[in-house]
Protein backbone atom coordinates (compact mmCIF):
# COMPACT_ATOMS: atom_id res chain seq x y z
CA MET A 1 0.00 0.00 0.00
CA LYS A 2 2.83 2.33 0.87
CA THR A 3 4.55 1.57 -2.43
CA PHE A 4 1.34 2.31 -4.30
CA LYS A 5 1.08 5.76 -2.67
CA ILE A 6 4.63 6.56 -3.63
CA LEU A 7 3.98 5.63 -7.26
CA VAL A 8 0.84 7.76 -7.28
CA CYS A 9 2.76 10.76 -5.92
CA ILE A 10 5.50 10.36 -8.51
CA TYR A 11 2.91 10.14 -11.28
CA LEU A 12 0.99 13.18 -10.06
CA GLY A 13 4.25 15.15 -9.70
CA ALA A 14 5.30 14.30 -13.23
CA LEU A 15 1.82 15.23 -14.45
CA LEU A 16 2.00 18.61 -12.73
CA VAL A 17 5.43 19.33 -14.16
CA SER A 18 4.32 18.38 -17.64
CA CYS A 19 1.29 20.58 -17.31
CA GLY A 20 3.41 23.55 -16.20
CA SER A 21 6.18 23.20 -18.81
CA ILE A 22 5.88 23.93 -22.52
CA LYS A 23 8.51 22.21 -24.65
CA PRO A 24 7.58 22.00 -28.32
CA GLN A 25 9.83 20.31 -30.82
CA ALA A 26 12.36 22.57 -32.49
CA PRO A 27 11.42 23.38 -36.09
CA GLU A 28 13.38 21.68 -38.80
CA ILE A 29 16.05 23.89 -40.38
CA ILE A 30 16.08 23.45 -44.14
CA ILE A 31 19.44 24.43 -45.56
CA GLN A 32 19.10 26.26 -48.83
CA LYS A 33 21.63 27.81 -51.15
CA GLU A 34 20.66 31.43 -50.93
CA ALA A 35 21.39 33.71 -53.85
CA VAL A 36 23.60 36.30 -52.17
CA PRO A 37 24.54 39.15 -54.53
CA ASN A 38 28.16 39.13 -55.68
CA GLN A 39 30.35 41.43 -53.64
CA PRO A 40 31.13 44.61 -55.59
CA VAL A 41 34.80 45.43 -55.99
CA SER A 42 36.02 48.00 -53.47
CA LEU A 43 38.30 50.76 -54.70
CA ILE A 44 40.70 52.12 -52.12
CA LYS A 45 42.87 55.15 -52.71
CA ILE A 46 46.03 55.14 -50.59
CA PRO A 47 48.13 58.32 -50.75
CA ILE A 48 51.78 57.27 -50.32
CA LYS A 49 54.81 59.44 -49.70
CA ILE A 50 58.40 58.24 -49.84
CA ASN A 51 61.48 60.10 -48.68
CA LEU A 52 63.95 59.85 -51.56
CA THR A 53 67.01 61.10 -49.65
CA PRO A 54 68.61 57.62 -49.39
CA TYR A 55 68.22 57.11 -53.14
CA PHE A 56 69.61 60.58 -53.90
CA GLU A 57 72.64 59.87 -51.73
CA GLN A 58 73.20 56.66 -53.67
CA THR A 59 73.04 58.55 -56.97
CA ASN A 60 75.40 61.23 -55.63
CA LYS A 61 78.02 58.63 -54.78
CA ALA A 62 77.76 56.93 -58.17
CA VAL A 63 78.23 60.03 -60.36
CA PRO A 64 81.94 60.96 -60.96
CA LYS A 65 83.24 63.90 -58.93
CA TYR A 66 86.01 64.94 -61.31
CA PHE A 67 85.93 65.64 -65.02
CA ARG A 68 89.04 66.29 -67.12
CA GLY A 69 89.53 67.12 -70.76
CA SER A 70 92.08 68.48 -73.17
CA LYS A 71 92.75 69.45 -76.74
CA LYS A 72 96.31 69.38 -78.02
CA GLN A 73 97.37 70.81 -81.36
CA CYS A 74 100.56 72.32 -82.69
CA GLU A 75 99.20 75.45 -84.25
CA GLY A 76 96.58 77.54 -82.51
CA VAL A 77 95.24 77.15 -78.99
CA SER A 78 95.74 73.97 -76.93
CA TYR A 79 94.13 73.53 -73.54
CA GLN A 80 93.40 71.18 -70.68
CA TYR A 81 90.90 71.59 -67.88
CA LYS A 82 89.58 70.01 -64.70
CA PHE A 83 86.09 70.41 -63.30
CA GLU A 84 85.42 69.32 -59.73
CA ARG A 85 81.80 69.06 -58.70
CA LYS A 86 80.32 69.51 -55.26
CA PRO A 87 77.50 67.27 -53.96
CA ILE A 88 74.45 67.30 -56.20
CA GLN A 89 71.46 69.11 -54.73
CA PHE A 90 68.17 67.39 -55.51
CA ASN A 91 64.87 69.21 -55.52
CA GLY A 92 61.55 67.77 -56.61
CA ILE A 93 59.17 70.15 -58.33
CA GLY A 94 55.89 68.87 -59.75
CA GLU A 95 56.43 65.94 -62.09
CA SER A 96 60.21 66.23 -62.28
CA ILE A 97 63.34 66.45 -60.17
CA GLN A 98 65.98 69.11 -60.62
CA PHE A 99 69.63 68.25 -60.03
CA ASP A 100 71.73 71.33 -59.29
CA CYS A 101 75.47 70.92 -59.14
CA SER A 102 77.92 73.73 -58.40
CA GLY A 103 81.64 73.22 -58.81
CA LYS A 104 84.98 74.77 -59.58
CA TYR A 105 87.38 74.52 -62.47
CA TRP A 106 90.78 75.48 -63.76
CA VAL A 107 92.01 75.67 -67.33
CA LYS A 108 95.53 75.81 -68.82
CA LEU A 109 96.12 77.16 -72.31
CA ASN A 110 99.05 77.57 -74.69
CA TYR A 111 99.19 79.25 -78.06
CA CYS A 112 101.42 78.70 -81.12
CA LEU A 113 101.30 81.21 -83.93
CA GLU A 114 102.73 78.93 -86.65
CA CYS A 115 103.95 75.34 -86.97
CA THR A 116 105.99 73.34 -89.48
CA TYR A 117 105.31 69.67 -90.18
CA LEU A 118 108.46 68.87 -92.18
CA LEU A 119 110.28 66.95 -89.47
CA LEU A 120 107.49 65.85 -87.13
CA ASP A 121 104.05 64.57 -87.96
CA GLN A 122 102.66 66.28 -84.90
CA GLY A 123 104.28 69.53 -85.97
CA ASN A 124 106.86 71.85 -84.46
CA CYS A 125 106.05 75.34 -83.26
CA LEU A 126 108.17 77.97 -85.07
CA THR A 127 107.55 80.62 -82.45
CA PRO A 128 107.80 80.51 -78.68
CA ARG A 129 104.55 79.21 -77.19
CA ILE A 130 102.52 81.56 -75.07
CA TYR A 131 101.25 79.95 -71.83
CA THR A 132 98.47 81.17 -69.64
CA SER A 133 95.98 79.74 -67.18
CA CYS A 134 92.86 80.46 -65.20
CA GLY A 135 92.23 79.10 -61.73
CA VAL A 136 95.79 77.79 -61.36
CA ASP A 137 97.85 79.13 -58.46
CA GLU A 138 94.79 81.14 -57.60
CA PRO A 139 91.28 80.28 -56.41
CA MET A 140 89.54 77.97 -58.85
CA ARG A 141 86.73 79.51 -60.86
CA LYS A 142 83.07 78.70 -60.21
CA MET A 143 80.68 76.84 -62.53
CA HIS A 144 77.06 75.75 -62.25
CA VAL A 145 75.55 72.64 -63.89
CA ALA A 146 71.90 71.62 -63.80
CA TYR A 147 69.83 68.60 -64.90
CA LYS A 148 66.17 67.80 -65.01
CA SER A 149 64.67 64.30 -64.71
CA LYS A 150 61.16 63.16 -65.41
CA ILE A 151 60.62 60.01 -63.37
CA GLY A 152 57.97 57.33 -63.67
CA ILE A 153 57.47 53.79 -62.40
CA THR A 154 57.50 50.46 -64.22
CA LYS A 155 55.00 47.64 -63.75
CA ASP A 156 57.51 45.81 -61.53
CA TYR A 157 57.89 48.86 -59.22
CA LYS A 158 61.22 50.18 -60.47
CA LEU A 159 61.77 53.84 -61.20
CA LYS A 160 62.53 54.96 -64.73
CA SER A 161 63.79 58.38 -65.69
CA GLU A 162 64.62 60.60 -68.62
CA THR A 163 67.36 63.04 -67.60
CA THR A 164 68.35 66.10 -69.59
CA LEU A 165 71.26 68.50 -69.04
CA THR A 166 69.65 71.93 -68.86
CA LYS A 167 72.45 74.29 -67.90
CA VAL A 168 76.24 74.71 -67.92
CA LYS A 169 77.28 78.18 -66.84
CA ALA A 170 80.66 79.54 -65.78
CA LEU A 171 79.85 81.86 -62.89
CA SER A 172 83.35 83.37 -62.83
CA PRO A 173 84.55 83.50 -66.46
CA CYS A 174 88.14 83.24 -67.67
CA LYS A 175 88.86 86.46 -69.58
CA MET A 176 91.84 86.07 -71.89
CA THR A 177 92.48 88.79 -74.40
CA LEU A 178 96.16 87.97 -75.05
CA PHE A 179 95.47 85.98 -78.21
CA ASN A 180 91.80 86.78 -78.67
CA PHE A 181 90.49 83.45 -77.34
CA ASN A 182 87.20 83.02 -75.47
CA ALA A 183 88.24 80.39 -72.93
CA THR A 184 84.95 80.57 -71.03
CA ARG A 185 82.78 79.69 -74.01
CA THR A 186 85.10 76.89 -75.10
CA LEU A 187 85.23 75.49 -71.57
CA GLU A 188 81.46 75.56 -71.25
CA LYS A 189 81.17 73.59 -74.50
CA GLU A 190 83.73 71.03 -73.33
CA VAL A 191 82.16 70.63 -69.91
CA LYS A 192 78.75 70.30 -71.52
CA LYS A 193 80.03 67.39 -73.65
CA ALA A 194 81.48 65.70 -70.58
CA MET A 195 78.43 66.33 -68.39
CA THR A 196 75.99 65.09 -71.03
CA SER A 197 77.28 61.60 -70.41
CA VAL A 198 76.24 62.03 -66.79
CA GLU A 199 72.60 61.95 -67.98
CA ARG A 200 73.05 58.22 -68.57
CA ASP A 201 74.72 57.79 -65.18
CA ILE A 202 71.80 59.47 -63.42
CA ASP A 203 69.23 57.45 -65.36
CA LYS A 204 71.13 54.25 -64.60
CA GLU A 205 71.18 54.98 -60.88
CA ILE A 206 67.53 56.00 -60.77
CA SER A 207 66.52 52.85 -62.69
CA SER A 208 68.25 50.78 -60.03
CA ILE A 209 65.86 52.17 -57.40
CA ASN A 210 63.38 49.41 -56.61
CA LEU A 211 60.25 50.31 -54.66
CA LYS A 212 59.03 46.71 -54.61
CA PRO A 213 60.32 45.86 -51.09
CA GLU A 214 58.45 48.84 -49.63
CA MET A 215 55.34 48.06 -51.66
CA GLU A 216 55.50 44.38 -50.66
CA ALA A 217 55.78 45.35 -46.99
CA THR A 218 52.73 47.58 -47.38
CA TRP A 219 50.83 44.93 -49.36
CA ASN A 220 51.53 42.24 -46.75
CA ALA A 221 50.59 44.57 -43.89
CA ILE A 222 47.30 45.46 -45.57
CA SER A 223 46.62 41.77 -46.28
CA ALA A 224 47.10 40.77 -42.64
CA PRO A 225 43.96 40.45 -40.47
CA VAL A 226 43.05 43.62 -38.60
CA ASP A 227 41.73 43.13 -35.07
CA LEU A 228 38.59 45.24 -34.69
CA GLU A 229 38.59 44.84 -30.91
CA GLY A 230 35.44 42.87 -30.26
CA TYR A 231 33.96 43.20 -33.75
CA GLY A 232 36.01 40.45 -35.32
CA PHE A 233 38.87 40.52 -37.80
CA MET A 234 38.95 42.37 -41.10
CA TYR A 235 40.62 40.82 -44.12
CA MET A 236 41.22 43.28 -46.94
CA ARG A 237 41.59 40.58 -49.65
CA ALA A 238 43.24 42.91 -52.15
CA SER A 239 43.67 41.60 -55.69
CA ARG A 240 45.03 44.43 -57.86
CA VAL A 241 47.08 47.58 -57.41
CA SER A 242 47.73 50.56 -59.67
CA ILE A 243 49.67 53.77 -59.16
CA GLY A 244 48.90 57.29 -60.34
CA ASP A 245 51.36 59.94 -61.50
CA ILE A 246 54.26 60.67 -59.19
CA LYS A 247 54.57 64.21 -57.86
CA TYR A 248 57.68 65.58 -56.19
CA GLN A 249 58.23 68.20 -53.56
CA GLY A 250 61.70 68.69 -52.20
CA ASP A 251 63.12 65.28 -51.30
CA THR A 252 59.74 63.53 -51.14
CA ALA A 253 57.77 61.63 -53.76
CA TYR A 254 53.98 61.61 -53.55
CA PHE A 255 51.73 59.21 -55.41
CA ASN A 256 48.43 57.45 -55.01
CA ALA A 257 48.16 53.68 -54.93
CA TYR A 258 44.76 52.30 -55.85
CA LEU A 259 43.69 48.88 -54.59
CA LYS A 260 40.96 46.61 -55.88
CA ALA A 261 39.80 44.58 -52.91
CA TYR A 262 36.99 42.36 -51.61
CA PRO A 263 37.16 42.87 -47.82
CA LYS A 264 35.35 40.67 -45.30
CA ILE A 265 34.95 40.67 -41.53
CA PHE A 266 34.99 37.38 -39.61
CA LEU A 267 34.35 37.04 -35.89
CA ASP A 268 37.41 34.78 -35.55
CA THR A 269 40.70 34.60 -37.39
CA ILE A 270 40.68 32.31 -40.38
CA THR A 271 43.36 30.60 -42.43
CA TYR A 272 43.99 32.99 -45.27
CA THR A 273 46.98 33.07 -47.60
CA PRO A 274 47.32 36.52 -49.21
CA LYS A 275 48.21 36.77 -52.85
CA PRO A 276 51.76 37.88 -53.65
CA LEU A 277 52.14 41.49 -54.71
CA PRO A 278 50.96 41.63 -58.34
CA ASN A 279 52.50 43.77 -61.03
CA LEU A 280 50.92 47.16 -61.49
CA SER A 281 47.61 47.25 -63.32
CA ASN A 282 46.27 50.04 -65.49
CA HIS A 283 45.66 53.20 -63.51
CA ILE A 284 42.27 53.73 -61.88
CA GLU A 285 41.25 57.09 -60.40
CA GLN A 286 39.29 57.09 -57.14
CA GLU A 287 38.97 59.50 -54.22
CA GLY A 288 39.46 58.13 -50.70
CA PHE A 289 38.09 54.64 -50.21
CA ASP A 290 34.66 53.30 -50.98
CA VAL A 291 34.59 49.83 -49.47
CA HIS A 292 31.85 47.21 -49.76
CA MET A 293 32.62 44.81 -46.94
CA ASP A 294 30.93 41.53 -46.00
CA ILE A 295 30.39 40.63 -42.34
CA LEU A 296 29.61 37.05 -41.35
CA ALA A 297 27.97 37.55 -37.93
CA GLU A 298 27.49 34.29 -36.07
CA TYR A 299 24.12 33.92 -34.40
CA ASP A 300 25.60 33.65 -30.90
CA SER A 301 26.49 37.35 -30.95
CA LEU A 302 23.05 38.27 -32.28
CA SER A 303 21.43 36.11 -29.59
CA SER A 304 23.32 37.99 -26.88
CA ILE A 305 22.02 41.32 -28.15
CA LEU A 306 18.43 40.08 -28.36
CA THR A 307 18.63 38.55 -24.87
CA LYS A 308 19.70 41.92 -23.42
CA ASN A 309 16.58 43.44 -24.94
CA ILE A 310 14.14 40.99 -23.32
CA ASN A 311 15.82 39.41 -20.29
CA GLY A 312 13.72 39.87 -17.14
CA THR A 313 10.77 41.46 -18.95
CA LYS A 314 7.45 40.55 -17.28
CA LEU A 315 4.13 40.42 -19.06
CA ASP A 316 0.64 39.97 -17.67
CA VAL A 317 -1.45 37.85 -20.04
CA LYS A 318 -5.05 37.33 -18.95
CA GLY A 319 -4.08 37.26 -15.28
CA LYS A 320 -1.11 34.98 -15.78
CA GLU A 321 2.53 36.11 -15.54
CA VAL A 322 5.11 35.48 -18.23
CA ILE A 323 8.78 36.27 -17.51
CA PHE A 324 11.02 36.27 -20.55
CA ASP A 325 14.53 34.96 -19.93
CA SER A 326 16.49 34.71 -23.18
CA ILE A 327 16.32 34.66 -26.95
CA LYS A 328 18.51 32.41 -29.05
CA VAL A 329 18.69 32.38 -32.83
CA HIS A 330 18.00 28.76 -33.74
CA GLY A 331 18.83 29.01 -37.45
CA ALA A 332 17.52 30.07 -40.81
CA SER A 333 15.54 28.45 -43.59
CA GLY A 334 15.63 30.46 -46.76
CA ALA A 335 14.87 34.08 -45.94
CA LYS A 336 13.20 33.26 -42.59
CA LEU A 337 14.94 33.27 -39.23
CA THR A 338 13.87 30.99 -36.38
CA ILE A 339 14.30 32.15 -32.80
CA LYS A 340 13.99 30.25 -29.53
CA VAL A 341 12.49 32.10 -26.53
CA ASN A 342 12.89 30.73 -23.00
CA PHE A 343 10.36 31.92 -20.44
CA SER A 344 9.09 31.26 -16.91
CA GLY A 345 6.28 32.48 -14.66
CA SER A 346 2.85 30.88 -14.48
CA LYS A 347 4.27 28.39 -16.90
CA ASN A 348 7.81 27.84 -18.05
CA GLY A 349 9.33 26.43 -21.18
CA THR A 350 10.33 27.32 -24.72
CA LEU A 351 8.66 29.03 -27.66
CA TYR A 352 9.82 28.94 -31.28
CA LEU A 353 8.94 31.76 -33.65
CA THR A 354 9.82 32.36 -37.28
CA GLY A 355 9.99 35.61 -39.21
CA THR A 356 11.63 37.41 -42.07
CA PRO A 357 14.21 40.05 -41.14
CA ILE A 358 13.30 43.32 -42.84
CA PHE A 359 16.06 45.90 -43.16
CA ASP A 360 15.31 49.62 -43.48
CA SER A 361 18.39 51.03 -45.20
CA GLU A 362 17.34 54.64 -44.58
CA LYS A 363 16.89 54.19 -40.82
CA GLN A 364 19.53 51.42 -40.53
CA HIS A 365 17.01 49.39 -38.58
CA ILE A 366 16.13 45.67 -38.62
CA SER A 367 12.74 44.23 -37.62
CA PHE A 368 10.60 41.09 -37.93
CA PRO A 369 7.07 42.33 -38.72
CA ASP A 370 5.80 38.83 -39.65
CA LEU A 371 7.31 37.08 -36.60
CA GLU A 372 4.85 34.42 -35.37
CA PHE A 373 4.80 31.10 -33.55
CA ASP A 374 6.22 28.13 -35.41
CA ILE A 375 3.60 25.53 -36.39
CA LYS A 376 4.88 22.96 -33.84
CA THR A 377 4.79 25.56 -31.07
CA LYS A 378 1.21 26.47 -32.06
CA SER A 379 0.21 22.83 -31.82
CA VAL A 380 1.57 22.52 -28.26
CA LEU A 381 -0.02 25.81 -27.14
CA LEU A 382 -3.43 24.79 -28.47
CA LYS A 383 -3.29 21.75 -26.18
CA SER A 384 -1.87 23.30 -23.02
CA ALA A 385 -1.78 27.12 -23.03
CA LYS A 386 -4.14 28.80 -25.46
CA TRP A 387 -3.85 32.01 -23.46
CA LEU A 388 -0.26 32.46 -24.76
CA PHE A 389 -1.72 33.14 -28.22
CA ASP A 390 -2.36 36.68 -27.01
CA LYS A 391 -0.94 39.39 -29.31
CA LYS A 392 0.85 40.90 -26.30
CA VAL A 393 3.32 38.00 -26.43
CA THR A 394 4.16 38.14 -30.14
CA ASN A 395 4.19 41.96 -30.14
CA LEU A 396 6.69 42.06 -27.25
CA ILE A 397 8.96 39.50 -28.91
CA ARG A 398 8.77 41.44 -32.18
CA GLU A 399 9.69 44.68 -30.41
CA SER A 400 12.56 43.00 -28.53
CA SER A 401 13.85 41.49 -31.79
CA SER A 402 13.88 44.85 -33.57
CA MET A 403 17.18 46.69 -33.45
CA ASP A 404 18.48 50.14 -34.23
CA LEU A 405 21.84 49.28 -35.79
CA LYS A 406 23.30 52.80 -35.76
CA PRO A 407 24.95 52.52 -32.30
CA TYR A 408 26.67 49.29 -33.35
CA LEU A 409 27.78 50.83 -36.64
CA ASP A 410 29.18 53.87 -34.78
CA ASP A 411 31.21 51.56 -32.53
CA LEU A 412 32.41 49.60 -35.56
CA ARG A 413 33.37 52.86 -37.31
CA GLU A 414 35.48 53.94 -34.33
CA SER A 415 37.11 50.53 -34.02
CA LEU A 416 37.86 50.37 -37.73
CA GLY A 417 39.20 53.94 -37.72
CA SER A 418 41.50 53.12 -34.81
CA SER A 419 42.87 50.07 -36.62
CA LEU A 420 43.84 52.23 -39.61
CA ASN A 421 46.35 54.30 -37.63
CA GLY A 422 49.82 53.30 -36.55
CA GLU A 423 52.96 51.54 -37.74
CA ILE A 424 51.85 48.52 -39.76
CA THR A 425 55.37 47.24 -40.34
CA SER A 426 58.88 48.53 -39.72
CA GLY A 427 59.21 51.96 -41.32
CA VAL A 428 55.72 51.91 -42.82
CA HIS A 429 53.08 54.06 -41.10
CA MET A 430 49.39 54.13 -41.94
CA THR A 431 46.94 56.89 -41.18
CA GLY A 432 43.25 56.72 -41.86
CA ALA A 433 39.76 57.78 -40.92
CA VAL A 434 36.35 56.20 -41.48
CA ASN A 435 33.77 58.87 -42.16
CA GLU A 436 30.70 56.72 -42.68
CA ILE A 437 29.50 53.13 -42.37
CA LEU A 438 26.11 52.03 -43.64
CA ILE A 439 24.54 48.62 -44.11
CA ASP A 440 23.59 47.82 -47.71
CA TYR A 441 22.15 44.37 -47.35
CA ILE A 442 21.21 41.73 -44.74
CA PHE A 443 20.39 38.08 -45.41
CA PRO A 444 20.00 35.17 -42.92
CA ARG A 445 22.10 32.10 -43.65
CA ASN A 446 22.14 28.75 -41.90
CA GLN A 447 24.88 29.47 -39.34
CA TYR A 448 25.35 33.23 -39.51
CA LEU A 449 23.76 36.49 -40.55
CA PHE A 450 25.23 37.81 -43.77
CA ILE A 451 25.66 41.60 -43.65
CA ARG A 452 27.15 43.79 -46.39
CA ILE A 453 28.29 47.23 -45.32
CA ASN A 454 29.57 50.22 -47.21
CA SER A 455 32.25 52.35 -45.57
CA LYS A 456 33.82 55.56 -46.82
CA GLY A 457 36.87 57.40 -45.58
CA SER A 458 40.52 58.12 -46.23
CA LEU A 459 43.75 56.20 -45.98
CA GLY A 460 47.43 57.14 -46.26
CA ILE A 461 50.83 55.43 -46.19
CA LYS A 462 54.15 57.04 -45.24
CA MET A 463 57.46 55.29 -45.89
C-alpha cells in the first residue's frame, strides 16, 4: 500500500510538471543555397609618400666627382681643364626632379702662332709658345651645372627616368684677351660634352631604385587580419594595385596607390593566404576609399544582443505572468529566421517563432514584422496554453527582436578607424579615418547572418 502511494505521488508530480512546462519540438532547419549578390569590388585610394634622400645619396656617390679634358694641337690654342663638382642638390618640383650641381674649375692654355710639319708629324712650333691659365695658383673659378629628370614607375615597381642636361654656366669666367680666345665659351662647351654623359649615369642609378620591397611590406601589412577589438577581424583581400602619376616636392615623392579589394569581416581569425604582390595594373582614379565589406555575424552574438533586450521582462497575459529569460537564434531556412524564446512564470518552457528580417536602409534598422509562432509551437499551445496566443506575447517579442543598428555601426566605425592608424610594419606608417558606415544588405544564412556594409573614408601610407 505504501509503495502504491509513492507511485501515485511520482505520477501526479510528473503530471503537474508536464502541465506547467511547454517544450515544443524545435522546427526543422532546411538548408538552402541562398542567392547572395556578388560582392562589388572595393576601390581604395592610398596616398603614399616616400622620402627619396637615401636614393639621392646613392646617386650622388655613383656620379663621378672629377671631369678632365684636353685638346692638343701644334698650331693655334691647346688647352686642358679640370672640373670638380660639389654634392648634387636634388629638388623635386611637380612631375620632375631638378639636379643642381655647383663646382669649380681650372684651365691651362698655350698658343702657337705657326707650326711646321716637315720633321714631325705632330708639328713643331716655329715661335715661342705663349702659356696662360685660369684658376691655377689662384682660387679655382666657379661653374654651375643643372639637370632635369622626369621620373615614372614600371610595372615591376622600379623607377625609370629621362634626364636632360639643362644648364652649364661659368659663374666666374676666364677672360683672356692675349690671343683673342674666349676660354669661357670653349670650356662651357667642353664641360657640356662631358656632363651630357652624366645623364646616362643618373638614369642608370635611378633605374636601379626598386620600390618593390616597400610596396610588398605595405601589401603584406594590408593583407594581414586587422583586429577590430570585439567586432572580429577584417581581411582586406586585395587583388590588384595601380599607381597614379608621381609628384615631387623637395626630397619627397607623392603618389596614389589604388587597390581593388573584396574585404570581409569574420568574428574569428581564419586561415587565409594573401596573394603575392601583383604587377601594377592600369591606372584607376578614385577619391578616398569606398569599401563594400561583407560581415559574417554568427548567431551567438546576435542572440546575446536580443537577450539583453528581453531578459527579465514581465508580461501579464489574462491574469497569468510570463517572464522572458532569453532569446537564441535557432537558425535560418531560406529568408526566414527561427528564434527560440525561454520563459518562466505561471508556466515555463520554450517558444519557437519564425519571421523574415526586414532591413530599413534609410533608418539602418532591422525588424521582424511577420514574426509568429512556429507551427509545432502552435500545436503545443493549443493543447496546453491557449492564453499564450495573445498578441501581447508576439508583439513584445517582435519589439525585442527589432534593433536600431546605428549605435553598433558607430562603434564599428570607431574601431575600424582606430585600426587604420599606426605603424603597420617597420618603417611603414598608416593613417586613416572612417567617415561613414552604412549597411547595404542583410540576409539570414544557416549558421550566420550575412551583412554587407559600405564604408567611406581616407587612408594614407608614409614610408
